[in-house]
Amino acid sequence: MKSSETKRVLVAGASGGVGQFICRQVVRLFGPHSLVVGDYKIERGRKFAKSLGEEVNTRLSK
């Protein structure tokens, strides 16, 4: 993979129980820059993403 190419993993429903588990595994295996947190519950999703680190991307929508 070229250094200009960055692959990301989007986890929809990331602040739920299974979503949180998957997010932690993605961060552990690939680093926080590779995770995009998606969640319908905006504040809960934002709070969870922040707990994972500053480099985690968020995509939150109603």
Protein backbone atom coordinates (compact mmCIF):
# COMPACT_ATOMS: atom_id res chain seq x y z
CA MET A 1 0.00 0.00 0.00
CA LYS A 2 1.29 3.45 -0.90
CA SER A 3 1.80 5.92 1.91
CA SER A 4 -0.76 8.24 0.28
CA GLU A 5 -3.43 5.52 0.51
CA THR A 6 -5.18 5.18 3.85
CA LYS A 7 -7.70 2.42 4.42
CA ARG A 8 -10.39 2.98 7.01
CA VAL A 9 -12.98 0.83 8.74
CA LEU A 10 -16.46 2.30 9.33
CA VAL A 11 -18.29 0.77 12.27
CA ALA A 12 -22.00 1.63 12.16
CA GLY A 13 -23.66 1.47 15.58
CA ALA A 14 -20.26 1.93 17.15
CA SER A 15 -21.45 2.99 20.60
CA GLY A 16 -23.46 -0.20 21.16
CA GLY A 17 -21.99 -3.20 22.93
CA VAL A 18 -20.87 -5.15 19.86
CA GLY A 19 -19.82 -1.95 18.06
CA GLN A 20 -17.57 -0.92 20.94
CA PHE A 21 -15.90 -4.32 20.93
CA ILE A 22 -15.27 -4.13 17.17
CA CYS A 23 -13.95 -0.55 17.44
CA ARG A 24 -11.47 -1.50 20.15
CA GLN A 25 -10.22 -4.40 18.04
CA VAL A 26 -9.79 -2.17 14.97
CA VAL A 27 -7.81 0.38 17.01
CA ARG A 28 -5.69 -2.37 18.57
CA LEU A 29 -4.91 -4.04 15.23
CA PHE A 30 -4.69 -1.09 12.83
CA GLY A 31 -4.43 2.08 14.96
CA PRO A 32 -6.93 4.85 15.70
CA HIS A 33 -6.38 6.58 12.34
CA SER A 34 -8.03 3.61 10.58
CA LEU A 35 -11.34 3.78 12.49
CA VAL A 36 -14.42 5.79 11.55
CA VAL A 37 -17.12 5.71 14.23
CA GLY A 38 -20.68 5.91 12.95
CA ASP A 39 -23.68 6.12 15.25
CA TYR A 40 -27.26 7.40 15.27
CA LYS A 41 -27.01 8.43 18.93
CA ILE A 42 -24.80 11.44 18.39
CA GLU A 43 -23.68 12.28 21.92
CA ARG A 44 -23.10 8.66 22.88
CA GLY A 45 -21.12 8.07 19.68
CA ARG A 46 -19.04 11.22 20.15
CA LYS A 47 -18.27 10.34 23.78
CA PHE A 48 -17.21 6.81 22.84
CA ALA A 49 -15.04 8.02 19.94
CA LYS A 50 -13.32 10.50 22.24
CA SER A 51 -12.57 7.73 24.74
CA LEU A 52 -10.68 5.87 21.98
CA GLY A 53 -8.38 8.79 21.21
CA GLU A 54 -8.09 12.03 19.29
CA GLU A 55 -7.19 10.38 15.99
CA VAL A 56 -10.53 8.54 15.64
CA ASN A 57 -12.83 9.96 12.96
CA THR A 58 -16.55 10.36 13.66
CA ARG A 59 -19.50 10.30 11.28
CA LEU A 60 -22.62 10.98 13.31
CA SER A 61 -26.06 11.75 11.89
CA LYS A 62 -29.69 11.84 12.92
